[in-house]
């Protein structure tokens, strides 16, 4: 009886350990962090140039995109 109970407990532990729940969320968070890091690097490098044209252009485009976004997911326009 003890071996049967231990076998079932072991099978349950293996099943719970190998679950993929939450994996998609982790991947999306990683992707968002990667994009944020690239944008921060571009803006930082852009600020080092004379005139700040690149940084101002990027910030302006981002503001336009954010202001034009619809919270319901429908394209603006």
PDB file of N, CA and C in Angstrom:
ATOM      1  N   UNK A   1       0.824  -1.187   0.000  1.00  0.00           N
ATOM      2  CA  UNK A   1       0.000   0.000   0.000  1.00  0.00           C
ATOM      3  C   UNK A   1       0.866   1.248   0.000  1.00  0.00           C
ATOM      4  N   UNK A   2       1.949   1.230   0.748  1.00  0.00           N
ATOM      5  CA  UNK A   2       2.818   2.401   0.829  1.00  0.00           C
ATOM      6  C   UNK A   2       3.488   2.716  -0.495  1.00  0.00           C
ATOM      7  N   UNK A   3       3.874   1.655  -1.233  1.00  0.00           N
ATOM      8  CA  UNK A   3       4.525   1.876  -2.522  1.00  0.00           C
ATOM      9  C   UNK A   3       3.565   2.486  -3.546  1.00  0.00           C
ATOM     10  N   UNK A   4       2.329   2.042  -3.501  1.00  0.00           N
ATOM     11  CA  UNK A   4       1.328   2.567  -4.431  1.00  0.00           C
ATOM     12  C   UNK A   4       1.096   4.052  -4.168  1.00  0.00           C
ATOM     13  N   UNK A   5       0.996   4.423  -2.906  1.00  0.00           N
ATOM     14  CA  UNK A   5       0.787   5.826  -2.537  1.00  0.00           C
ATOM     15  C   UNK A   5       1.991   6.681  -2.941  1.00  0.00           C
ATOM     16  N   UNK A   6       3.175   6.178  -2.710  1.00  0.00           N
ATOM     17  CA  UNK A   6       4.386   6.915  -3.090  1.00  0.00           C
ATOM     18  C   UNK A   6       4.490   7.041  -4.612  1.00  0.00           C
ATOM     19  N   UNK A   7       4.093   6.001  -5.347  1.00  0.00           N
ATOM     20  CA  UNK A   7       4.117   6.047  -6.808  1.00  0.00           C
ATOM     21  C   UNK A   7       3.168   7.099  -7.348  1.00  0.00           C
ATOM     22  N   UNK A   8       1.980   7.151  -6.783  1.00  0.00           N
ATOM     23  CA  UNK A   8       1.012   8.167  -7.217  1.00  0.00           C
ATOM     24  C   UNK A   8       1.485   9.574  -6.866  1.00  0.00           C
ATOM     25  N   UNK A   9       2.072   9.752  -5.697  1.00  0.00           N
ATOM     26  CA  UNK A   9       2.586  11.061  -5.298  1.00  0.00           C
ATOM     27  C   UNK A   9       3.724  11.490  -6.233  1.00  0.00           C
ATOM     28  N   UNK A  10       4.578  10.534  -6.599  1.00  0.00           N
ATOM     29  CA  UNK A  10       5.680  10.840  -7.511  1.00  0.00           C
ATOM     30  C   UNK A  10       5.147  11.226  -8.895  1.00  0.00           C
ATOM     31  N   UNK A  11       4.165  10.493  -9.394  1.00  0.00           N
ATOM     32  CA  UNK A  11       3.583  10.802 -10.707  1.00  0.00           C
ATOM     33  C   UNK A  11       2.922  12.178 -10.687  1.00  0.00           C
ATOM     34  N   UNK A  12       2.256  12.521  -9.609  1.00  0.00           N
ATOM     35  CA  UNK A  12       1.635  13.829  -9.485  1.00  0.00           C
ATOM     36  C   UNK A  12       2.683  14.931  -9.454  1.00  0.00           C
ATOM     37  N   UNK A  13       3.760  14.717  -8.738  1.00  0.00           N
ATOM     38  CA  UNK A  13       4.829  15.715  -8.652  1.00  0.00           C
ATOM     39  C   UNK A  13       5.473  15.946 -10.015  1.00  0.00           C
ATOM     40  N   UNK A  14       5.701  14.894 -10.772  1.00  0.00           N
ATOM     41  CA  UNK A  14       6.292  15.021 -12.102  1.00  0.00           C
ATOM     42  C   UNK A  14       5.341  15.772 -13.035  1.00  0.00           C
ATOM     43  N   UNK A  15       4.057  15.460 -12.955  1.00  0.00           N
ATOM     44  CA  UNK A  15       3.065  16.116 -13.806  1.00  0.00           C
ATOM     45  C   UNK A  15       2.994  17.606 -13.497  1.00  0.00           C
ATOM     46  N   UNK A  16       2.997  17.970 -12.238  1.00  0.00           N
ATOM     47  CA  UNK A  16       2.906  19.385 -11.869  1.00  0.00           C
ATOM     48  C   UNK A  16       4.179  20.141 -12.216  1.00  0.00           C
ATOM     49  N   UNK A  17       5.307  19.498 -12.149  1.00  0.00           N
ATOM     50  CA  UNK A  17       6.583  20.155 -12.421  1.00  0.00           C
ATOM     51  C   UNK A  17       6.748  20.503 -13.888  1.00  0.00           C
ATOM     52  N   UNK A  18       6.223  19.711 -14.784  1.00  0.00           N
ATOM     53  CA  UNK A  18       6.437  19.895 -16.212  1.00  0.00           C
ATOM     54  C   UNK A  18       5.371  20.754 -16.877  1.00  0.00           C
ATOM     55  N   UNK A  19       4.567  21.473 -16.119  1.00  0.00           N
ATOM     56  CA  UNK A  19       3.525  22.309 -16.702  1.00  0.00           C
ATOM     57  C   UNK A  19       4.104  23.518 -17.418  1.00  0.00           C
ATOM     58  N   UNK A  20       3.410  23.966 -18.451  1.00  0.00           N
ATOM     59  CA  UNK A  20       3.849  25.123 -19.222  1.00  0.00           C
ATOM     60  C   UNK A  20       3.011  26.358 -18.910  1.00  0.00           C
ATOM     61  N   UNK A  21       2.238  26.311 -17.861  1.00  0.00           N
ATOM     62  CA  UNK A  21       1.402  27.458 -17.520  1.00  0.00           C
ATOM     63  C   UNK A  21       2.265  28.669 -17.216  1.00  0.00           C
ATOM     64  N   UNK A  22       1.902  29.819 -17.785  1.00  0.00           N
ATOM     65  CA  UNK A  22       2.622  31.050 -17.526  1.00  0.00           C
ATOM     66  C   UNK A  22       3.815  31.280 -18.425  1.00  0.00           C
ATOM     67  N   UNK A  23       4.146  30.325 -19.273  1.00  0.00           N
ATOM     68  CA  UNK A  23       5.321  30.471 -20.129  1.00  0.00           C
ATOM     69  C   UNK A  23       5.142  31.598 -21.120  1.00  0.00           C
ATOM     70  N   UNK A  24       3.951  31.742 -21.685  1.00  0.00           N
ATOM     71  CA  UNK A  24       3.693  32.812 -22.643  1.00  0.00           C
ATOM     72  C   UNK A  24       3.858  34.176 -22.020  1.00  0.00           C
ATOM     73  N   UNK A  25       3.414  34.333 -20.780  1.00  0.00           N
ATOM     74  CA  UNK A  25       3.554  35.607 -20.084  1.00  0.00           C
ATOM     75  C   UNK A  25       5.013  35.964 -19.904  1.00  0.00           C
ATOM     76  N   UNK A  26       5.818  35.002 -19.534  1.00  0.00           N
ATOM     77  CA  UNK A  26       7.247  35.243 -19.345  1.00  0.00           C
ATOM     78  C   UNK A  26       7.890  35.668 -20.659  1.00  0.00           C
ATOM     79  N   UNK A  27       7.504  35.041 -21.757  1.00  0.00           N
ATOM     80  CA  UNK A  27       8.069  35.386 -23.055  1.00  0.00           C
ATOM     81  C   UNK A  27       7.668  36.798 -23.478  1.00  0.00           C
ATOM     82  N   UNK A  28       6.409  37.175 -23.243  1.00  0.00           N
ATOM     83  CA  UNK A  28       5.977  38.524 -23.597  1.00  0.00           C
ATOM     84  C   UNK A  28       6.685  39.578 -22.749  1.00  0.00           C
ATOM     85  N   UNK A  29       6.864  39.323 -21.475  1.00  0.00           N
ATOM     86  CA  UNK A  29       7.581  40.272 -20.621  1.00  0.00           C
ATOM     87  C   UNK A  29       9.019  40.426 -21.089  1.00  0.00           C
ATOM     88  N   UNK A  30       9.655  39.336 -21.449  1.00  0.00           N
ATOM     89  CA  UNK A  30      11.019  39.399 -21.967  1.00  0.00           C
ATOM     90  C   UNK A  30      11.095  40.191 -23.260  1.00  0.00           C
ATOM     91  N   UNK A  31      10.126  40.014 -24.137  1.00  0.00           N
ATOM     92  CA  UNK A  31      10.096  40.745 -25.396  1.00  0.00           C
ATOM     93  C   UNK A  31       9.902  42.236 -25.154  1.00  0.00           C
ATOM     94  N   UNK A  32       9.016  42.596 -24.252  1.00  0.00           N
ATOM     95  CA  UNK A  32       8.782  44.006 -23.930  1.00  0.00           C
ATOM     96  C   UNK A  32      10.033  44.630 -23.329  1.00  0.00           C
ATOM     97  N   UNK A  33      10.711  43.919 -22.445  1.00  0.00           N
ATOM     98  CA  UNK A  33      11.953  44.449 -21.866  1.00  0.00           C
ATOM     99  C   UNK A  33      13.034  44.629 -22.930  1.00  0.00           C
ATOM    100  N   UNK A  34      13.113  43.709 -23.879  1.00  0.00           N
ATOM    101  CA  UNK A  34      14.088  43.830 -24.962  1.00  0.00           C
ATOM    102  C   UNK A  34      13.802  45.058 -25.824  1.00  0.00           C
ATOM    103  N   UNK A  35      12.548  45.269 -26.179  1.00  0.00           N
ATOM    104  CA  UNK A  35      12.175  46.431 -26.981  1.00  0.00           C
ATOM    105  C   UNK A  35      12.454  47.721 -26.224  1.00  0.00           C
ATOM    106  N   UNK A  36      12.132  47.751 -24.933  1.00  0.00           N
ATOM    107  CA  UNK A  36      12.400  48.940 -24.126  1.00  0.00           C
ATOM    108  C   UNK A  36      13.890  49.238 -24.054  1.00  0.00           C
ATOM    109  N   UNK A  37      14.710  48.218 -23.939  1.00  0.00           N
ATOM    110  CA  UNK A  37      16.156  48.418 -23.878  1.00  0.00           C
ATOM    111  C   UNK A  37      16.696  48.957 -25.204  1.00  0.00           C
ATOM    112  N   UNK A  38      16.185  48.439 -26.309  1.00  0.00           N
ATOM    113  CA  UNK A  38      16.628  48.927 -27.620  1.00  0.00           C
ATOM    114  C   UNK A  38      16.217  50.381 -27.814  1.00  0.00           C
ATOM    115  N   UNK A  39      14.976  50.711 -27.457  1.00  0.00           N
ATOM    116  CA  UNK A  39      14.528  52.097 -27.585  1.00  0.00           C
ATOM    117  C   UNK A  39      15.335  53.030 -26.693  1.00  0.00           C
ATOM    118  N   UNK A  40      15.628  52.608 -25.477  1.00  0.00           N
ATOM    119  CA  UNK A  40      16.431  53.430 -24.570  1.00  0.00           C
ATOM    120  C   UNK A  40      17.829  53.639 -25.134  1.00  0.00           C
ATOM    121  N   UNK A  41      18.401  52.614 -25.731  1.00  0.00           N
ATOM    122  CA  UNK A  41      19.733  52.744 -26.331  1.00  0.00           C
ATOM    123  C   UNK A  41      19.711  53.699 -27.516  1.00  0.00           C
ATOM    124  N   UNK A  42      18.684  53.612 -28.338  1.00  0.00           N
ATOM    125  CA  UNK A  42      18.592  54.500 -29.504  1.00  0.00           C
ATOM    126  C   UNK A  42      18.434  55.951 -29.055  1.00  0.00           C
ATOM    127  N   UNK A  43      17.583  56.194 -28.071  1.00  0.00           N
ATOM    128  CA  UNK A  43      17.389  57.557 -27.584  1.00  0.00           C
ATOM    129  C   UNK A  43      18.662  58.070 -26.923  1.00  0.00           C
ATOM    130  N   UNK A  44      19.348  57.233 -26.174  1.00  0.00           N
ATOM    131  CA  UNK A  44      20.592  57.650 -25.520  1.00  0.00           C
ATOM    132  C   UNK A  44      21.658  58.001 -26.550  1.00  0.00           C
ATOM    133  N   UNK A  45      21.814  57.163 -27.559  1.00  0.00           N
ATOM    134  CA  UNK A  45      22.790  57.449 -28.610  1.00  0.00           C
ATOM    135  C   UNK A  45      22.369  58.695 -29.389  1.00  0.00           C
ATOM    136  N   UNK A  46      21.079  58.839 -29.628  1.00  0.00           N
ATOM    137  CA  UNK A  46      20.584  60.009 -30.349  1.00  0.00           C
ATOM    138  C   UNK A  46      20.825  61.306 -29.605  1.00  0.00           C
ATOM    139  N   UNK A  47      20.821  61.273 -28.284  1.00  0.00           N
ATOM    140  CA  UNK A  47      21.063  62.475 -27.493  1.00  0.00           C
ATOM    141  C   UNK A  47      22.511  62.934 -27.575  1.00  0.00           C
ATOM    142  N   UNK A  48      23.418  62.069 -27.958  1.00  0.00           N
ATOM    143  CA  UNK A  48      24.830  62.418 -28.033  1.00  0.00           C
ATOM    144  C   UNK A  48      25.164  63.198 -29.301  1.00  0.00           C
ATOM    145  N   UNK A  49      24.296  63.166 -30.308  1.00  0.00           N
ATOM    146  CA  UNK A  49      24.543  63.898 -31.543  1.00  0.00           C
ATOM    147  C   UNK A  49      24.135  65.353 -31.383  1.00  0.00           C
ATOM    148  N   UNK A  50      24.758  66.223 -32.179  1.00  0.00           N
ATOM    149  CA  UNK A  50      24.412  67.643 -32.130  1.00  0.00           C
ATOM    150  C   UNK A  50      23.019  67.857 -32.693  1.00  0.00           C
ATOM    151  N   UNK A  51      22.266  68.697 -32.039  1.00  0.00           N
ATOM    152  CA  UNK A  51      20.943  69.045 -32.519  1.00  0.00           C
ATOM    153  C   UNK A  51      19.827  68.174 -31.989  1.00  0.00           C
ATOM    154  N   UNK A  52      20.133  67.024 -31.474  1.00  0.00           N
ATOM    155  CA  UNK A  52      19.134  66.114 -30.903  1.00  0.00           C
ATOM    156  C   UNK A  52      17.998  65.778 -31.884  1.00  0.00           C
ATOM    157  N   UNK A  53      18.287  65.822 -33.183  1.00  0.00           N
ATOM    158  CA  UNK A  53      17.239  65.567 -34.165  1.00  0.00           C
ATOM    159  C   UNK A  53      16.695  64.147 -34.081  1.00  0.00           C
ATOM    160  N   UNK A  54      17.583  63.188 -33.944  1.00  0.00           N
ATOM    161  CA  UNK A  54      17.152  61.796 -33.902  1.00  0.00           C
ATOM    162  C   UNK A  54      16.293  61.521 -32.674  1.00  0.00           C
ATOM    163  N   UNK A  55      16.743  61.990 -31.517  1.00  0.00           N
ATOM    164  CA  UNK A  55      15.991  61.760 -30.280  1.00  0.00           C
ATOM    165  C   UNK A  55      14.628  62.450 -30.322  1.00  0.00           C
ATOM    166  N   UNK A  56      14.604  63.686 -30.820  1.00  0.00           N
ATOM    167  CA  UNK A  56      13.333  64.412 -30.901  1.00  0.00           C
ATOM    168  C   UNK A  56      12.372  63.746 -31.876  1.00  0.00           C
ATOM    169  N   UNK A  57      12.894  63.225 -32.969  1.00  0.00           N
ATOM    170  CA  UNK A  57      12.049  62.525 -33.936  1.00  0.00           C
ATOM    171  C   UNK A  57      11.459  61.264 -33.331  1.00  0.00           C
ATOM    172  N   UNK A  58      12.284  60.495 -32.637  1.00  0.00           N
ATOM    173  CA  UNK A  58      11.802  59.250 -32.018  1.00  0.00           C
ATOM    174  C   UNK A  58      10.760  59.556 -30.945  1.00  0.00           C
ATOM    175  N   UNK A  59      11.050  60.525 -30.090  1.00  0.00           N
ATOM    176  CA  UNK A  59      10.105  60.874 -29.026  1.00  0.00           C
ATOM    177  C   UNK A  59       8.803  61.387 -29.628  1.00  0.00           C
ATOM    178  N   UNK A  60       8.885  62.197 -30.667  1.00  0.00           N
ATOM    179  CA  UNK A  60       7.674  62.705 -31.318  1.00  0.00           C
ATOM    180  C   UNK A  60       6.837  61.591 -31.916  1.00  0.00           C
ATOM    181  N   UNK A  61       7.487  60.643 -32.589  1.00  0.00           N
ATOM    182  CA  UNK A  61       6.765  59.511 -33.184  1.00  0.00           C
ATOM    183  C   UNK A  61       6.128  58.631 -32.113  1.00  0.00           C
ATOM    184  N   UNK A  62       6.846  58.413 -31.025  1.00  0.00           N
ATOM    185  CA  UNK A  62       6.285  57.608 -29.933  1.00  0.00           C
ATOM    186  C   UNK A  62       5.075  58.292 -29.314  1.00  0.00           C
ATOM    187  N   UNK A  63       5.163  59.601 -29.103  1.00  0.00           N
ATOM    188  CA  UNK A  63       4.022  60.341 -28.540  1.00  0.00           C
ATOM    189  C   UNK A  63       2.817  60.267 -29.469  1.00  0.00           C
ATOM    190  N   UNK A  64       3.056  60.413 -30.764  1.00  0.00           N
ATOM    191  CA  UNK A  64       1.968  60.333 -31.732  1.00  0.00           C
ATOM    192  C   UNK A  64       1.329  58.946 -31.716  1.00  0.00           C
ATOM    193  N   UNK A  65       2.148  57.916 -31.654  1.00  0.00           N
ATOM    194  CA  UNK A  65       1.626  56.543 -31.636  1.00  0.00           C
ATOM    195  C   UNK A  65       0.833  56.264 -30.367  1.00  0.00           C
ATOM    196  N   UNK A  66       1.326  56.765 -29.232  1.00  0.00           N
ATOM    197  CA  UNK A  66       0.635  56.531 -27.960  1.00  0.00           C
ATOM    198  C   UNK A  66      -0.672  57.300 -27.910  1.00  0.00           C
ATOM    199  N   UNK A  67      -0.661  58.542 -28.367  1.00  0.00           N
ATOM    200  CA  UNK A  67      -1.892  59.343 -28.367  1.00  0.00           C
ATOM    201  C   UNK A  67      -2.923  58.792 -29.321  1.00  0.00           C
ATOM    202  N   UNK A  68      -2.490  58.164 -30.402  1.00  0.00           N
ATOM    203  CA  UNK A  68      -3.418  57.625 -31.395  1.00  0.00           C
ATOM    204  C   UNK A  68      -3.898  56.219 -31.091  1.00  0.00           C
ATOM    205  N   UNK A  69      -3.369  55.608 -30.032  1.00  0.00           N
ATOM    206  CA  UNK A  69      -3.765  54.231 -29.706  1.00  0.00           C
ATOM    207  C   UNK A  69      -5.140  54.211 -29.062  1.00  0.00           C
ATOM    208  N   UNK A  70      -5.927  53.224 -29.445  1.00  0.00           N
ATOM    209  CA  UNK A  70      -7.257  53.030 -28.878  1.00  0.00           C
ATOM    210  C   UNK A  70      -7.176  51.927 -27.834  1.00  0.00           C
ATOM    211  N   UNK A  71      -7.634  52.175 -26.605  1.00  0.00           N
ATOM    212  CA  UNK A  71      -7.522  51.148 -25.562  1.00  0.00           C
ATOM    213  C   UNK A  71      -8.315  49.875 -25.854  1.00  0.00           C
ATOM    214  N   UNK A  72      -9.254  49.925 -26.804  1.00  0.00           N
ATOM    215  CA  UNK A  72     -10.042  48.747 -27.121  1.00  0.00           C
ATOM    216  C   UNK A  72      -9.371  47.888 -28.185  1.00  0.00           C
ATOM    217  N   UNK A  73      -8.205  48.319 -28.675  1.00  0.00           N
ATOM    218  CA  UNK A  73      -7.460  47.527 -29.639  1.00  0.00           C
ATOM    219  C   UNK A  73      -7.832  47.795 -31.091  1.00  0.00           C
ATOM    220  N   UNK A  74      -8.733  48.735 -31.326  1.00  0.00           N
ATOM    221  CA  UNK A  74      -9.106  49.062 -32.695  1.00  0.00           C
ATOM    222  C   UNK A  74      -8.156  50.132 -33.225  1.00  0.00           C
ATOM    223  N   UNK A  75      -7.788  50.062 -34.495  1.00  0.00           N
ATOM    224  CA  UNK A  75      -6.895  51.080 -35.034  1.00  0.00           C
ATOM    225  C   UNK A  75      -7.569  52.442 -35.051  1.00  0.00           C
ATOM    226  N   UNK A  76      -6.808  53.469 -34.728  1.00  0.00           N
ATOM    227  CA  UNK A  76      -7.332  54.828 -34.732  1.00  0.00           C
ATOM    228  C   UNK A  76      -7.480  55.303 -36.173  1.00  0.00           C
ATOM    229  N   UNK A  77      -8.452  56.152 -36.385  1.00  0.00           N
ATOM    230  CA  UNK A  77      -8.574  56.728 -37.731  1.00  0.00           C
ATOM    231  C   UNK A  77      -9.882  56.592 -38.281  1.00  0.00           C
TER     232      UNK A  77
END
